[in-house]
Amino acid sequence: MGIKKTVSVLGLGRMGSALATALVEEGFEVTVWNRTDKPAPVGTTKAATPEEAFRSDVVVTCLSTYDVQKPLLTRDIKILVNLTSGTPEEARATARWAEDNGVEYVDGVIMAVPQQIGTAQARILFSGSENHHVLRAFGEPVFVGEDAGLAALYDLALLGVMWSAFGGYLQALALVGSAGVTPRQFTPLITDWLAVVTTLLPEMGEEVQSGSYETDVSALDINVSGLRMLTDAGVEQGLDTTLPQALHDLFERAQRNGHGAHSIASVIEEIRK
């Protein structure tokens, strides 16, 4: 076996510390740096400056924002593995900087919490360069494309589904809770229902792919009426109805634009606008 490359981790928040620890456990020689004085994870060497950290073969950044990262970057970096969260355009701009300065660039996102780093539960989506050898220390690496912005795009899209599900769950708990139903009573029904809902997603995706929204199952008209009832019920129970009202308004707009007899998938035509 060859000698493993040296790696520096910039950023010692909970996630950065977990990344550094996972690298140590995989046998890498790890240097760490943080803007403020934080203890270095066991088995790592603390760098006094970013420049000292850049001597490593690979630099992994896990900082709070791209604005924090940008002034630190230098052409002294050989391979930059960016795990700092941001927008696709921020990732692409960093990729352009890397290309202009002769730095190999990997942009990645971490679909896990710090406690899962280094386990099979952690999935690391990455784009740009396919050089991902250090990513295997963190979890399962999944290459999503050469466009450096794709990992961030996937990240935000997946988080959008999660946040929407959380918002819907909390809205549901508030609604049934207004009648004295507890989360412990209602949550098992929600998890069973979500299992059914997820089976519908592949077909919905195919409808979006083809652009054909004909349906004999559940037309948009019916769902607009259902969302109006959900919103009205929330008002009757004294709840904030911002979330269901927003969905109703979106679905109703698609209905007005000729999709009333089509499937819910047709709503994407309004979202794309």
Protein backbone atom coordinates (compact mmCIF):
# COMPACT_ATOMS: atom_id res chain seq x y z
CA MET A 1 0.00 0.00 0.00
CA GLY A 2 1.20 3.52 -0.78
CA ILE A 3 1.63 6.25 1.77
CA LYS A 4 -1.61 8.15 2.33
CA LYS A 5 -1.62 11.82 1.48
CA THR A 6 -1.47 14.47 4.15
CA VAL A 7 -4.72 16.35 4.72
CA SER A 8 -5.55 19.67 6.37
CA VAL A 9 -9.01 20.52 7.68
CA LEU A 10 -9.97 24.19 7.94
CA GLY A 11 -12.84 24.76 10.35
CA LEU A 12 -13.23 23.06 13.71
CA GLY A 13 -16.95 23.33 14.31
CA ARG A 14 -18.77 20.13 15.18
CA MET A 15 -18.71 18.95 11.58
CA GLY A 16 -15.12 19.97 10.87
CA SER A 17 -13.92 18.23 14.04
CA ALA A 18 -15.81 15.09 13.03
CA LEU A 19 -14.19 15.19 9.58
CA ALA A 20 -10.71 15.54 11.07
CA THR A 21 -11.33 12.65 13.48
CA ALA A 22 -12.57 10.42 10.66
CA LEU A 23 -9.44 11.17 8.63
CA VAL A 24 -7.21 10.27 11.58
CA GLU A 25 -9.09 7.01 12.03
CA GLU A 26 -8.45 6.21 8.36
CA GLY A 27 -4.71 6.68 8.86
CA PHE A 28 -4.22 10.11 7.29
CA GLU A 29 -1.73 12.60 8.69
CA VAL A 30 -4.07 15.44 9.61
CA THR A 31 -3.41 19.12 10.26
CA VAL A 32 -6.20 21.39 11.47
CA TRP A 33 -6.78 25.14 11.58
CA ASN A 34 -9.56 27.32 12.94
CA ARG A 35 -10.09 31.09 13.03
CA THR A 36 -10.60 31.01 16.79
CA ASP A 37 -8.75 28.98 19.39
CA LYS A 38 -10.41 25.59 19.57
CA PRO A 39 -8.90 22.30 20.76
CA ALA A 40 -7.51 20.10 18.02
CA PRO A 41 -9.09 16.65 17.71
CA VAL A 42 -7.01 13.80 19.07
CA GLY A 43 -4.34 12.67 16.63
CA THR A 44 -4.21 15.92 14.64
CA THR A 45 -1.61 18.67 14.46
CA LYS A 46 -2.72 22.26 14.97
CA ALA A 47 -1.54 24.79 12.39
CA ALA A 48 -0.82 28.32 13.54
CA THR A 49 -1.84 29.85 10.18
CA PRO A 50 -3.82 28.81 7.10
CA GLU A 51 -0.58 28.99 5.11
CA GLU A 52 0.88 26.28 7.33
CA ALA A 53 -2.18 24.12 6.71
CA PHE A 54 -1.84 24.58 2.95
CA ARG A 55 1.38 22.55 2.94
CA SER A 56 -0.72 19.38 3.04
CA ASP A 57 -1.47 17.45 -0.14
CA VAL A 58 -5.22 18.00 0.30
CA VAL A 59 -7.08 20.86 1.99
CA VAL A 60 -10.61 20.20 3.24
CA THR A 61 -12.63 23.29 4.11
CA CYS A 62 -15.69 23.13 6.35
CA LEU A 63 -16.27 26.77 7.21
CA SER A 64 -19.39 28.74 8.07
CA THR A 65 -19.75 30.56 4.73
CA TYR A 66 -18.03 31.16 1.40
CA ASP A 67 -17.39 34.73 2.52
CA VAL A 68 -15.26 33.37 5.35
CA GLN A 69 -13.50 30.94 3.01
CA LYS A 70 -12.76 33.25 0.08
CA PRO A 71 -9.98 35.41 1.63
CA LEU A 72 -8.18 32.28 2.85
CA LEU A 73 -7.78 30.68 -0.56
CA THR A 74 -4.38 30.71 -2.23
CA ARG A 75 -2.71 29.07 -5.20
CA ASP A 76 -0.47 27.24 -2.71
CA ILE A 77 -3.33 24.74 -2.28
CA LYS A 78 -2.86 21.61 -4.38
CA ILE A 79 -6.26 19.94 -4.05
CA LEU A 80 -9.19 21.78 -2.48
CA VAL A 81 -12.07 19.70 -1.18
CA ASN A 82 -14.72 22.25 -0.32
CA LEU A 83 -17.38 21.07 2.13
CA THR A 84 -18.51 24.58 3.01
CA SER A 85 -22.26 24.98 2.45
CA GLY A 86 -23.47 27.54 -0.05
CA THR A 87 -25.27 28.13 -3.32
CA PRO A 88 -24.44 26.53 -6.68
CA GLU A 89 -23.12 29.84 -8.01
CA GLU A 90 -20.79 30.22 -5.02
CA ALA A 91 -19.42 26.74 -5.75
CA ARG A 92 -18.98 27.55 -9.44
CA ALA A 93 -17.19 30.81 -8.66
CA THR A 94 -14.78 28.92 -6.39
CA ALA A 95 -14.25 26.34 -9.15
CA ARG A 96 -13.37 29.14 -11.58
CA TRP A 97 -10.91 30.55 -9.06
CA ALA A 98 -9.37 27.10 -8.66
CA GLU A 99 -9.00 26.63 -12.41
CA ASP A 100 -7.41 30.05 -12.80
CA ASN A 101 -4.91 29.26 -10.04
CA GLY A 102 -4.02 25.68 -10.94
CA VAL A 103 -5.84 24.15 -7.97
CA GLU A 104 -7.73 20.87 -8.36
CA TYR A 105 -11.24 21.43 -7.04
CA VAL A 106 -13.78 19.07 -5.51
CA ASP A 107 -17.04 20.56 -4.27
CA GLY A 108 -18.98 18.44 -1.81
CA VAL A 109 -21.95 18.47 0.52
CA ILE A 110 -22.45 16.37 3.61
CA MET A 111 -25.81 14.65 3.89
CA ALA A 112 -25.35 13.64 7.52
CA VAL A 113 -25.00 14.97 11.04
CA PRO A 114 -21.56 15.06 12.73
CA GLN A 115 -22.25 11.89 14.72
CA GLN A 116 -22.70 9.92 11.48
CA ILE A 117 -19.39 10.96 9.88
CA GLY A 118 -17.21 7.95 9.19
CA THR A 119 -20.18 5.56 9.08
CA ALA A 120 -22.24 4.01 6.31
CA GLN A 121 -25.10 6.38 7.17
CA ALA A 122 -23.18 9.43 5.89
CA ARG A 123 -23.50 10.23 2.20
CA ILE A 124 -21.17 12.80 0.63
CA LEU A 125 -22.39 14.21 -2.67
CA PHE A 126 -19.61 15.77 -4.74
CA SER A 127 -19.07 17.43 -8.10
CA GLY A 128 -16.28 19.02 -10.12
CA SER A 129 -13.24 16.77 -9.98
CA GLU A 130 -13.78 13.05 -9.45
CA ASN A 131 -10.72 12.95 -7.15
CA HIS A 132 -12.54 11.88 -4.03
CA HIS A 133 -10.18 9.59 -2.15
CA VAL A 134 -10.42 11.50 1.15
CA LEU A 135 -14.23 11.56 0.96
CA ARG A 136 -14.34 7.83 1.62
CA ALA A 137 -13.15 8.53 5.16
CA PHE A 138 -16.34 10.51 5.80
CA GLY A 139 -18.97 8.15 4.39
CA GLU A 140 -20.26 7.04 0.99
CA PRO A 141 -19.11 9.42 -1.78
CA VAL A 142 -21.58 9.95 -4.64
CA PHE A 143 -20.39 11.81 -7.75
CA VAL A 144 -23.20 13.91 -9.26
CA GLY A 145 -21.44 15.59 -12.20
CA GLU A 146 -18.58 17.69 -13.54
CA ASP A 147 -20.47 20.97 -13.00
CA ALA A 148 -19.04 22.11 -9.67
CA GLY A 149 -22.39 23.64 -8.67
CA LEU A 150 -24.33 20.38 -8.85
CA ALA A 151 -23.47 19.11 -5.36
CA ALA A 152 -24.79 22.33 -3.79
CA LEU A 153 -27.87 22.16 -6.04
CA TYR A 154 -28.60 18.57 -4.95
CA ASP A 155 -28.00 19.55 -1.33
CA LEU A 156 -30.50 22.40 -1.33
CA ALA A 157 -33.05 20.37 -3.29
CA LEU A 158 -32.87 17.50 -0.81
CA LEU A 159 -32.99 19.84 2.16
CA GLY A 160 -35.99 21.53 0.57
CA VAL A 161 -37.85 18.21 0.64
CA MET A 162 -36.83 17.71 4.27
CA TRP A 163 -37.86 21.20 5.36
CA SER A 164 -41.17 20.87 3.53
CA ALA A 165 -41.82 17.55 5.27
CA PHE A 166 -40.93 19.02 8.65
CA GLY A 167 -43.19 22.01 8.04
CA GLY A 168 -46.06 19.76 6.99
CA TYR A 169 -45.53 17.54 10.02
CA LEU A 170 -45.58 20.46 12.44
CA GLN A 171 -48.66 21.93 10.73
CA ALA A 172 -50.36 18.55 11.10
CA LEU A 173 -49.43 18.25 14.78
CA ALA A 174 -50.77 21.74 15.42
CA LEU A 175 -54.03 20.90 13.65
CA VAL A 176 -54.75 17.65 15.48
CA GLY A 177 -53.28 19.09 18.67
CA SER A 178 -55.97 21.77 18.63
CA ALA A 179 -58.40 18.93 19.36
CA GLY A 180 -56.25 17.40 22.10
CA VAL A 181 -54.52 14.73 19.99
CA THR A 182 -50.90 14.24 21.09
CA PRO A 183 -47.84 13.83 18.83
CA ARG A 184 -47.35 10.36 20.30
CA GLN A 185 -50.84 9.37 19.17
CA PHE A 186 -50.64 10.88 15.70
CA THR A 187 -47.04 10.40 14.56
CA PRO A 188 -47.33 6.66 13.77
CA LEU A 189 -50.10 7.49 11.29
CA ILE A 190 -47.89 10.11 9.66
CA THR A 191 -44.94 7.76 9.21
CA ASP A 192 -47.23 5.14 7.66
CA TRP A 193 -48.77 7.77 5.37
CA LEU A 194 -45.37 9.10 4.27
CA ALA A 195 -44.36 5.55 3.31
CA VAL A 196 -47.35 5.48 0.97
CA VAL A 197 -46.64 8.97 -0.38
CA THR A 198 -43.03 8.15 -1.28
CA THR A 199 -44.22 5.29 -3.51
CA LEU A 200 -45.94 7.93 -5.68
CA LEU A 201 -42.80 9.97 -6.31
CA PRO A 202 -41.25 7.88 -9.13
CA GLU A 203 -44.45 8.13 -11.20
CA MET A 204 -44.66 11.87 -10.53
CA GLY A 205 -41.04 12.20 -11.63
CA GLU A 206 -41.79 10.35 -14.85
CA GLU A 207 -44.69 12.72 -15.54
CA VAL A 208 -42.37 15.70 -15.09
CA GLN A 209 -39.73 14.03 -17.28
CA SER A 210 -42.20 13.44 -20.11
CA GLY A 211 -44.25 16.61 -19.65
CA SER A 212 -47.43 14.52 -19.84
CA TYR A 213 -49.81 15.23 -16.95
CA GLU A 214 -52.93 13.34 -17.94
CA THR A 215 -54.41 11.46 -14.98
CA ASP A 216 -57.36 9.35 -13.94
CA VAL A 217 -56.34 9.28 -10.27
CA SER A 218 -56.27 12.64 -8.50
CA ALA A 219 -56.76 15.76 -10.59
CA LEU A 220 -55.40 19.12 -9.49
CA ASP A 221 -58.97 20.44 -9.08
CA ILE A 222 -59.57 18.02 -6.21
CA ASN A 223 -56.32 18.93 -4.51
CA VAL A 224 -57.00 22.66 -4.74
CA SER A 225 -60.31 22.05 -2.96
CA GLY A 226 -58.53 19.92 -0.36
CA LEU A 227 -55.94 22.59 0.33
CA ARG A 228 -58.72 25.16 0.73
CA MET A 229 -60.38 22.90 3.31
CA LEU A 230 -57.07 22.42 5.12
CA THR A 231 -56.52 26.18 5.25
CA ASP A 232 -60.09 26.84 6.41
CA ALA A 233 -59.76 24.20 9.13
CA GLY A 234 -56.56 25.81 10.35
CA VAL A 235 -58.26 29.20 10.57
CA GLU A 236 -61.20 27.65 12.44
CA GLN A 237 -58.79 26.07 14.94
CA GLY A 238 -56.92 29.35 15.45
CA LEU A 239 -53.71 28.34 13.71
CA ASP A 240 -51.28 30.16 11.46
CA THR A 241 -52.02 28.97 7.92
CA THR A 242 -49.10 30.48 6.00
CA LEU A 243 -47.86 27.08 4.81
CA PRO A 244 -51.09 25.52 3.50
CA GLN A 245 -52.19 28.89 2.09
CA ALA A 246 -48.98 29.16 0.08
CA LEU A 247 -49.49 25.65 -1.35
CA HIS A 248 -53.13 26.42 -2.11
CA ASP A 249 -52.19 29.59 -3.95
CA LEU A 250 -49.55 27.79 -6.01
CA PHE A 251 -51.86 24.90 -6.91
CA GLU A 252 -54.72 27.28 -7.68
CA ARG A 253 -52.51 29.26 -10.06
CA ALA A 254 -51.74 26.07 -11.97
CA GLN A 255 -55.46 25.32 -12.01
CA ARG A 256 -56.25 28.74 -13.46
CA ASN A 257 -53.62 28.21 -16.15
CA GLY A 258 -55.34 25.14 -17.52
CA HIS A 259 -54.08 22.26 -15.38
CA GLY A 260 -57.22 21.60 -13.33
CA ALA A 261 -57.80 18.19 -14.93
CA HIS A 262 -54.12 17.30 -14.82
CA SER A 263 -52.08 15.58 -12.12
CA ILE A 264 -50.34 17.37 -9.26
CA ALA A 265 -47.08 17.03 -11.23
CA SER A 266 -48.34 19.80 -13.54
CA VAL A 267 -47.73 22.33 -10.74
CA ILE A 268 -44.05 22.26 -11.71
CA GLU A 269 -44.95 24.38 -14.73
CA GLU A 270 -45.83 27.20 -12.33
CA ILE A 271 -42.73 26.65 -10.20
CA ARG A 272 -40.51 26.86 -13.28
CA LYS A 273 -41.87 30.33 -13.99
